[in-house]
Amino acid sequence: MNRTTGATSTALPMPSSPSLQPLISQQQDADDENDGDLSVLPSSQSSPLSWDHLRRQARQVENEIELKLASLSKLGASVASRSNGSLNNGNNDSLPMGKPSQELEIEELLKKLNSVITSMGEVLERPSATPTNPSMIHMLERHKDIMYDYNKEFRRVKTNMKAARDKANLMDQVQDEIRMYNTSNGDGSDYYLSERNRIEGTHRMTDMILE
């Protein structure tokens, strides 16, 4: 039986501000399933994203970085191999001397991951909106550690690729000098041997620095 009292007619209105609503809820999770655009990040003009949504974004971006880092690492190994081969056969025309598109993509993904992690930290700083627990703090730190490792690996691969390109450029210069010497002197075998020894010495020093 329904009973009607005077008190029921004066019920307080529910808060409409997003900052006052619980951000971790079943309804928000359902909404997040339909939101796969990682380019949409919180801003001062938009409603804050939920913790679960940001966590899924972080994992998705990390997976993308993982795949592209593996691809860039393979490319770096290929560049290094072809660079070493060019030292023996005098041909490095096939070496990619520009900045690979993978590098630009990884740079953008790392920026995006940093933005997502920053937003996760902002969520934890709003205890009135999101009940914070130790597991959430641990998860945030874990994502920070992963981003640090990705940045470290990215720098290592880029350094190795730059060293391979520099080696190829140096070989180009030496070959040009050899051709000029041959044109003017007829026989550049001694000069070629001396320049080859100089290049190999430079490569050994570069390898020692990279190690």
C-alpha atoms as a PDB file:
ATOM      1  CA  MET A   1       0.000   0.000   0.000  1.00  0.00           C
ATOM      2  CA  ASN A   2       1.369   3.433  -0.922  1.00  0.00           C
ATOM      3  CA  ARG A   3       1.200   6.113   1.735  1.00  0.00           C
ATOM      4  CA  THR A   4       1.378   9.786   0.911  1.00  0.00           C
ATOM      5  CA  THR A   5       2.785  12.283   3.391  1.00  0.00           C
ATOM      6  CA  GLY A   6       3.668  15.904   3.203  1.00  0.00           C
ATOM      7  CA  ALA A   7       7.359  15.079   3.401  1.00  0.00           C
ATOM      8  CA  THR A   8       7.347  13.153   0.159  1.00  0.00           C
ATOM      9  CA  SER A   9       6.304  16.207  -1.823  1.00  0.00           C
ATOM     10  CA  THR A  10       9.403  18.139  -0.731  1.00  0.00           C
ATOM     11  CA  ALA A  11      12.084  15.588  -1.757  1.00  0.00           C
ATOM     12  CA  LEU A  12      15.465  17.164  -2.449  1.00  0.00           C
ATOM     13  CA  PRO A  13      16.466  17.360  -6.143  1.00  0.00           C
ATOM     14  CA  MET A  14      19.242  15.028  -7.321  1.00  0.00           C
ATOM     15  CA  PRO A  15      22.556  16.773  -8.105  1.00  0.00           C
ATOM     16  CA  SER A  16      23.078  17.271 -11.834  1.00  0.00           C
ATOM     17  CA  SER A  17      26.740  18.231 -11.845  1.00  0.00           C
ATOM     18  CA  PRO A  18      28.985  15.461 -13.272  1.00  0.00           C
ATOM     19  CA  SER A  19      31.580  16.193 -10.599  1.00  0.00           C
ATOM     20  CA  LEU A  20      29.088  15.161  -7.902  1.00  0.00           C
ATOM     21  CA  GLN A  21      28.072  11.880  -9.491  1.00  0.00           C
ATOM     22  CA  PRO A  22      29.943   8.641  -8.843  1.00  0.00           C
ATOM     23  CA  LEU A  23      32.314   8.112 -11.770  1.00  0.00           C
ATOM     24  CA  ILE A  24      32.654   4.356 -11.357  1.00  0.00           C
ATOM     25  CA  SER A  25      29.244   2.877 -12.047  1.00  0.00           C
ATOM     26  CA  GLN A  26      27.641   0.232 -14.148  1.00  0.00           C
ATOM     27  CA  GLN A  27      25.938   2.823 -16.339  1.00  0.00           C
ATOM     28  CA  GLN A  28      29.199   4.625 -17.046  1.00  0.00           C
ATOM     29  CA  ASP A  29      30.818   1.322 -17.993  1.00  0.00           C
ATOM     30  CA  ALA A  30      28.029   0.710 -20.487  1.00  0.00           C
ATOM     31  CA  ASP A  31      28.541   4.165 -21.973  1.00  0.00           C
ATOM     32  CA  ASP A  32      32.272   3.637 -22.187  1.00  0.00           C
ATOM     33  CA  GLU A  33      31.826   0.494 -24.267  1.00  0.00           C
ATOM     34  CA  ASN A  34      30.470   2.716 -27.029  1.00  0.00           C
ATOM     35  CA  ASP A  35      33.288   5.217 -26.754  1.00  0.00           C
ATOM     36  CA  GLY A  36      36.416   3.916 -28.488  1.00  0.00           C
ATOM     37  CA  ASP A  37      37.870   7.246 -29.608  1.00  0.00           C
ATOM     38  CA  LEU A  38      41.191   7.644 -27.795  1.00  0.00           C
ATOM     39  CA  SER A  39      41.549  11.192 -29.048  1.00  0.00           C
ATOM     40  CA  VAL A  40      38.827  12.351 -26.668  1.00  0.00           C
ATOM     41  CA  LEU A  41      40.539  13.321 -23.420  1.00  0.00           C
ATOM     42  CA  PRO A  42      39.281  15.377 -20.484  1.00  0.00           C
ATOM     43  CA  SER A  43      39.489  19.134 -20.705  1.00  0.00           C
ATOM     44  CA  SER A  44      38.248  22.051 -18.717  1.00  0.00           C
ATOM     45  CA  GLN A  45      35.296  22.348 -21.132  1.00  0.00           C
ATOM     46  CA  SER A  46      34.178  18.692 -21.001  1.00  0.00           C
ATOM     47  CA  SER A  47      32.954  16.315 -18.332  1.00  0.00           C
ATOM     48  CA  PRO A  48      35.670  14.272 -16.633  1.00  0.00           C
ATOM     49  CA  LEU A  49      36.060  10.714 -17.885  1.00  0.00           C
ATOM     50  CA  SER A  50      35.606   7.781 -15.555  1.00  0.00           C
ATOM     51  CA  TRP A  51      38.481   5.805 -14.053  1.00  0.00           C
ATOM     52  CA  ASP A  52      37.444   2.642 -15.900  1.00  0.00           C
ATOM     53  CA  HIS A  53      37.301   4.473 -19.218  1.00  0.00           C
ATOM     54  CA  LEU A  54      40.766   5.999 -18.707  1.00  0.00           C
ATOM     55  CA  ARG A  55      42.165   2.622 -17.641  1.00  0.00           C
ATOM     56  CA  ARG A  56      40.884   1.040 -20.856  1.00  0.00           C
ATOM     57  CA  GLN A  57      42.359   3.894 -22.874  1.00  0.00           C
ATOM     58  CA  ALA A  58      45.745   3.447 -21.199  1.00  0.00           C
ATOM     59  CA  ARG A  59      45.775  -0.291 -21.951  1.00  0.00           C
ATOM     60  CA  GLN A  60      44.768   0.229 -25.558  1.00  0.00           C
ATOM     61  CA  VAL A  61      47.450   2.870 -26.159  1.00  0.00           C
ATOM     62  CA  GLU A  62      50.040   0.665 -24.445  1.00  0.00           C
ATOM     63  CA  ASN A  63      49.147  -2.210 -26.764  1.00  0.00           C
ATOM     64  CA  GLU A  64      49.564   0.044 -29.792  1.00  0.00           C
ATOM     65  CA  ILE A  65      52.937   1.298 -28.549  1.00  0.00           C
ATOM     66  CA  GLU A  66      54.062  -2.283 -27.903  1.00  0.00           C
ATOM     67  CA  LEU A  67      53.297  -3.318 -31.483  1.00  0.00           C
ATOM     68  CA  LYS A  68      54.865  -0.259 -33.088  1.00  0.00           C
ATOM     69  CA  LEU A  69      57.984  -0.508 -30.921  1.00  0.00           C
ATOM     70  CA  ALA A  70      58.433  -4.109 -32.043  1.00  0.00           C
ATOM     71  CA  SER A  71      58.041  -3.037 -35.670  1.00  0.00           C
ATOM     72  CA  LEU A  72      60.498  -0.161 -35.247  1.00  0.00           C
ATOM     73  CA  SER A  73      62.992  -2.440 -33.522  1.00  0.00           C
ATOM     74  CA  LYS A  74      62.880  -4.846 -36.484  1.00  0.00           C
ATOM     75  CA  LEU A  75      63.385  -1.932 -38.856  1.00  0.00           C
ATOM     76  CA  GLY A  76      66.344  -0.780 -36.782  1.00  0.00           C
ATOM     77  CA  ALA A  77      67.922  -4.220 -36.966  1.00  0.00           C
ATOM     78  CA  SER A  78      67.384  -4.243 -40.727  1.00  0.00           C
ATOM     79  CA  VAL A  79      68.971  -0.802 -41.099  1.00  0.00           C
ATOM     80  CA  ALA A  80      71.973  -1.887 -39.036  1.00  0.00           C
ATOM     81  CA  SER A  81      72.355  -5.068 -41.087  1.00  0.00           C
ATOM     82  CA  ARG A  82      72.190  -3.245 -44.400  1.00  0.00           C
ATOM     83  CA  SER A  83      74.577  -0.615 -43.093  1.00  0.00           C
ATOM     84  CA  ASN A  84      77.115  -3.309 -42.218  1.00  0.00           C
ATOM     85  CA  GLY A  85      76.560  -4.880 -45.615  1.00  0.00           C
ATOM     86  CA  SER A  86      77.159  -1.579 -47.357  1.00  0.00           C
ATOM     87  CA  LEU A  87      80.559  -1.416 -45.682  1.00  0.00           C
ATOM     88  CA  ASN A  88      81.509  -4.593 -47.524  1.00  0.00           C
ATOM     89  CA  ASN A  89      79.847  -4.116 -50.902  1.00  0.00           C
ATOM     90  CA  GLY A  90      79.920  -0.327 -51.114  1.00  0.00           C
ATOM     91  CA  ASN A  91      76.177   0.016 -51.696  1.00  0.00           C
ATOM     92  CA  ASN A  92      73.776   1.631 -49.251  1.00  0.00           C
ATOM     93  CA  ASP A  93      71.278   3.094 -51.688  1.00  0.00           C
ATOM     94  CA  SER A  94      68.451   1.098 -50.074  1.00  0.00           C
ATOM     95  CA  LEU A  95      69.044   2.445 -46.577  1.00  0.00           C
ATOM     96  CA  PRO A  96      66.162   4.625 -45.247  1.00  0.00           C
ATOM     97  CA  MET A  97      67.913   7.841 -44.291  1.00  0.00           C
ATOM     98  CA  GLY A  98      64.820   9.808 -43.249  1.00  0.00           C
ATOM     99  CA  LYS A  99      62.842   9.578 -40.042  1.00  0.00           C
ATOM    100  CA  PRO A 100      60.629   6.445 -40.208  1.00  0.00           C
ATOM    101  CA  SER A 101      56.892   6.995 -39.906  1.00  0.00           C
ATOM    102  CA  GLN A 102      56.905   4.549 -36.973  1.00  0.00           C
ATOM    103  CA  GLU A 103      58.958   7.012 -34.946  1.00  0.00           C
ATOM    104  CA  LEU A 104      56.420   9.789 -35.457  1.00  0.00           C
ATOM    105  CA  GLU A 105      53.535   7.458 -34.611  1.00  0.00           C
ATOM    106  CA  ILE A 106      55.207   6.231 -31.425  1.00  0.00           C
ATOM    107  CA  GLU A 107      55.975   9.794 -30.360  1.00  0.00           C
ATOM    108  CA  GLU A 108      52.302  10.692 -30.726  1.00  0.00           C
ATOM    109  CA  LEU A 109      51.178   7.558 -28.869  1.00  0.00           C
ATOM    110  CA  LEU A 110      53.566   8.279 -26.000  1.00  0.00           C
ATOM    111  CA  LYS A 111      52.137  11.791 -25.719  1.00  0.00           C
ATOM    112  CA  LYS A 112      48.635  10.343 -25.711  1.00  0.00           C
ATOM    113  CA  LEU A 113      49.543   7.791 -23.026  1.00  0.00           C
ATOM    114  CA  ASN A 114      51.048  10.533 -20.880  1.00  0.00           C
ATOM    115  CA  SER A 115      47.843  12.550 -21.248  1.00  0.00           C
ATOM    116  CA  VAL A 116      45.687   9.567 -20.219  1.00  0.00           C
ATOM    117  CA  ILE A 117      47.881   8.845 -17.199  1.00  0.00           C
ATOM    118  CA  THR A 118      47.708  12.503 -16.176  1.00  0.00           C
ATOM    119  CA  SER A 119      43.908  12.322 -16.362  1.00  0.00           C
ATOM    120  CA  MET A 120      43.934   9.172 -14.207  1.00  0.00           C
ATOM    121  CA  GLY A 121      45.910  11.050 -11.591  1.00  0.00           C
ATOM    122  CA  GLU A 122      43.400  13.885 -11.707  1.00  0.00           C
ATOM    123  CA  VAL A 123      40.568  11.419 -11.085  1.00  0.00           C
ATOM    124  CA  LEU A 124      42.303  10.118  -7.971  1.00  0.00           C
ATOM    125  CA  GLU A 125      42.684  13.681  -6.726  1.00  0.00           C
ATOM    126  CA  ARG A 126      38.878  14.027  -6.635  1.00  0.00           C
ATOM    127  CA  PRO A 127      37.944  11.761  -3.699  1.00  0.00           C
ATOM    128  CA  SER A 128      34.465  13.280  -3.509  1.00  0.00           C
ATOM    129  CA  ALA A 129      33.792  12.041  -7.034  1.00  0.00           C
ATOM    130  CA  THR A 130      35.712   8.755  -7.078  1.00  0.00           C
ATOM    131  CA  PRO A 131      36.313   6.585  -4.003  1.00  0.00           C
ATOM    132  CA  THR A 132      40.060   5.974  -4.065  1.00  0.00           C
ATOM    133  CA  ASN A 133      41.501   2.640  -3.006  1.00  0.00           C
ATOM    134  CA  PRO A 134      45.094   1.283  -2.893  1.00  0.00           C
ATOM    135  CA  SER A 135      44.598  -0.874  -5.988  1.00  0.00           C
ATOM    136  CA  MET A 136      43.799   2.203  -8.074  1.00  0.00           C
ATOM    137  CA  ILE A 137      46.930   3.954  -6.841  1.00  0.00           C
ATOM    138  CA  HIS A 138      48.997   0.867  -7.598  1.00  0.00           C
ATOM    139  CA  MET A 139      47.501   0.646 -11.092  1.00  0.00           C
ATOM    140  CA  LEU A 140      48.378   4.281 -11.796  1.00  0.00           C
ATOM    141  CA  GLU A 141      51.972   3.722 -10.714  1.00  0.00           C
ATOM    142  CA  ARG A 142      52.129   0.624 -12.888  1.00  0.00           C
ATOM    143  CA  HIS A 143      51.021   2.587 -15.957  1.00  0.00           C
ATOM    144  CA  LYS A 144      53.689   5.196 -15.174  1.00  0.00           C
ATOM    145  CA  ASP A 145      56.345   2.475 -14.978  1.00  0.00           C
ATOM    146  CA  ILE A 146      55.212   1.028 -18.310  1.00  0.00           C
ATOM    147  CA  MET A 147      55.388   4.447 -19.952  1.00  0.00           C
ATOM    148  CA  TYR A 148      58.897   4.946 -18.560  1.00  0.00           C
ATOM    149  CA  ASP A 149      60.020   1.597 -20.003  1.00  0.00           C
ATOM    150  CA  TYR A 150      58.502   2.432 -23.383  1.00  0.00           C
ATOM    151  CA  ASN A 151      60.283   5.785 -23.489  1.00  0.00           C
ATOM    152  CA  LYS A 152      63.565   4.120 -22.561  1.00  0.00           C
ATOM    153  CA  GLU A 153      63.216   1.441 -25.245  1.00  0.00           C
ATOM    154  CA  PHE A 154      62.165   4.042 -27.810  1.00  0.00           C
ATOM    155  CA  ARG A 155      65.287   6.115 -27.134  1.00  0.00           C
ATOM    156  CA  ARG A 156      67.480   3.005 -27.428  1.00  0.00           C
ATOM    157  CA  VAL A 157      66.028   1.974 -30.791  1.00  0.00           C
ATOM    158  CA  LYS A 158      66.297   5.519 -32.149  1.00  0.00           C
ATOM    159  CA  THR A 159      69.933   5.749 -31.033  1.00  0.00           C
ATOM    160  CA  ASN A 160      70.799   2.483 -32.777  1.00  0.00           C
ATOM    161  CA  MET A 161      69.072   3.557 -35.969  1.00  0.00           C
ATOM    162  CA  LYS A 162      70.840   6.926 -35.933  1.00  0.00           C
ATOM    163  CA  ALA A 163      74.181   5.159 -35.492  1.00  0.00           C
ATOM    164  CA  ALA A 164      73.395   2.939 -38.503  1.00  0.00           C
ATOM    165  CA  ARG A 165      72.448   5.952 -40.613  1.00  0.00           C
ATOM    166  CA  ASP A 166      75.593   7.819 -39.558  1.00  0.00           C
ATOM    167  CA  LYS A 167      77.660   4.783 -40.502  1.00  0.00           C
ATOM    168  CA  ALA A 168      76.025   4.682 -43.923  1.00  0.00           C
ATOM    169  CA  ASN A 169      76.563   8.413 -44.428  1.00  0.00           C
ATOM    170  CA  LEU A 170      80.223   8.059 -43.492  1.00  0.00           C
ATOM    171  CA  MET A 171      80.610   5.232 -45.995  1.00  0.00           C
ATOM    172  CA  ASP A 172      79.030   7.410 -48.666  1.00  0.00           C
ATOM    173  CA  GLN A 173      81.548  10.159 -48.000  1.00  0.00           C
ATOM    174  CA  VAL A 174      84.475   7.749 -48.139  1.00  0.00           C
ATOM    175  CA  GLN A 175      83.249   6.241 -51.397  1.00  0.00           C
ATOM    176  CA  ASP A 176      82.985   9.699 -52.905  1.00  0.00           C
ATOM    177  CA  GLU A 177      86.522  10.484 -51.814  1.00  0.00           C
ATOM    178  CA  ILE A 178      87.760   7.195 -53.268  1.00  0.00           C
ATOM    179  CA  ARG A 179      86.096   7.902 -56.595  1.00  0.00           C
ATOM    180  CA  MET A 180      87.653  11.353 -56.683  1.00  0.00           C
ATOM    181  CA  TYR A 181      91.054   9.918 -55.807  1.00  0.00           C
ATOM    182  CA  ASN A 182      90.763   7.230 -58.490  1.00  0.00           C
ATOM    183  CA  THR A 183      89.837   9.839 -61.043  1.00  0.00           C
ATOM    184  CA  SER A 184      92.899  11.934 -60.294  1.00  0.00           C
ATOM    185  CA  ASN A 185      95.459   9.191 -59.524  1.00  0.00           C
ATOM    186  CA  GLY A 186      94.259   6.101 -61.328  1.00  0.00           C
ATOM    187  CA  ASP A 187      94.765   3.626 -58.456  1.00  0.00           C
ATOM    188  CA  GLY A 188      93.118   4.132 -55.082  1.00  0.00           C
ATOM    189  CA  SER A 189      93.674   0.707 -53.511  1.00  0.00           C
ATOM    190  CA  ASP A 190      96.015   1.970 -50.787  1.00  0.00           C
ATOM    191  CA  TYR A 191      93.803   4.922 -50.064  1.00  0.00           C
ATOM    192  CA  TYR A 192      90.737   2.666 -49.908  1.00  0.00           C
ATOM    193  CA  LEU A 193      92.410   0.360 -47.386  1.00  0.00           C
ATOM    194  CA  SER A 194      93.450   3.232 -45.153  1.00  0.00           C
ATOM    195  CA  GLU A 195      89.971   4.777 -45.262  1.00  0.00           C
ATOM    196  CA  ARG A 196      88.355   1.407 -44.576  1.00  0.00           C
ATOM    197  CA  ASN A 197      90.546   0.962 -41.485  1.00  0.00           C
ATOM    198  CA  ARG A 198      89.590   4.443 -40.337  1.00  0.00           C
ATOM    199  CA  ILE A 199      85.883   3.677 -40.732  1.00  0.00           C
ATOM    200  CA  GLU A 200      86.136   0.368 -38.905  1.00  0.00           C
ATOM    201  CA  GLY A 201      87.907   2.108 -36.037  1.00  0.00           C
ATOM    202  CA  THR A 202      85.083   4.674 -35.898  1.00  0.00           C
ATOM    203  CA  HIS A 203      82.503   1.879 -35.865  1.00  0.00           C
ATOM    204  CA  ARG A 204      84.224   0.132 -32.975  1.00  0.00           C
ATOM    205  CA  MET A 205      84.168   3.336 -30.962  1.00  0.00           C
ATOM    206  CA  THR A 206      80.472   3.839 -31.785  1.00  0.00           C
ATOM    207  CA  ASP A 207      79.637   0.280 -30.695  1.00  0.00           C
ATOM    208  CA  MET A 208      81.502   0.798 -27.422  1.00  0.00           C
ATOM    209  CA  ILE A 209      79.507   3.976 -26.750  1.00  0.00           C
ATOM    210  CA  LEU A 210      76.184   2.238 -27.498  1.00  0.00           C
ATOM    211  CA  GLU A 211      77.042  -0.641 -25.174  1.00  0.00           C
END
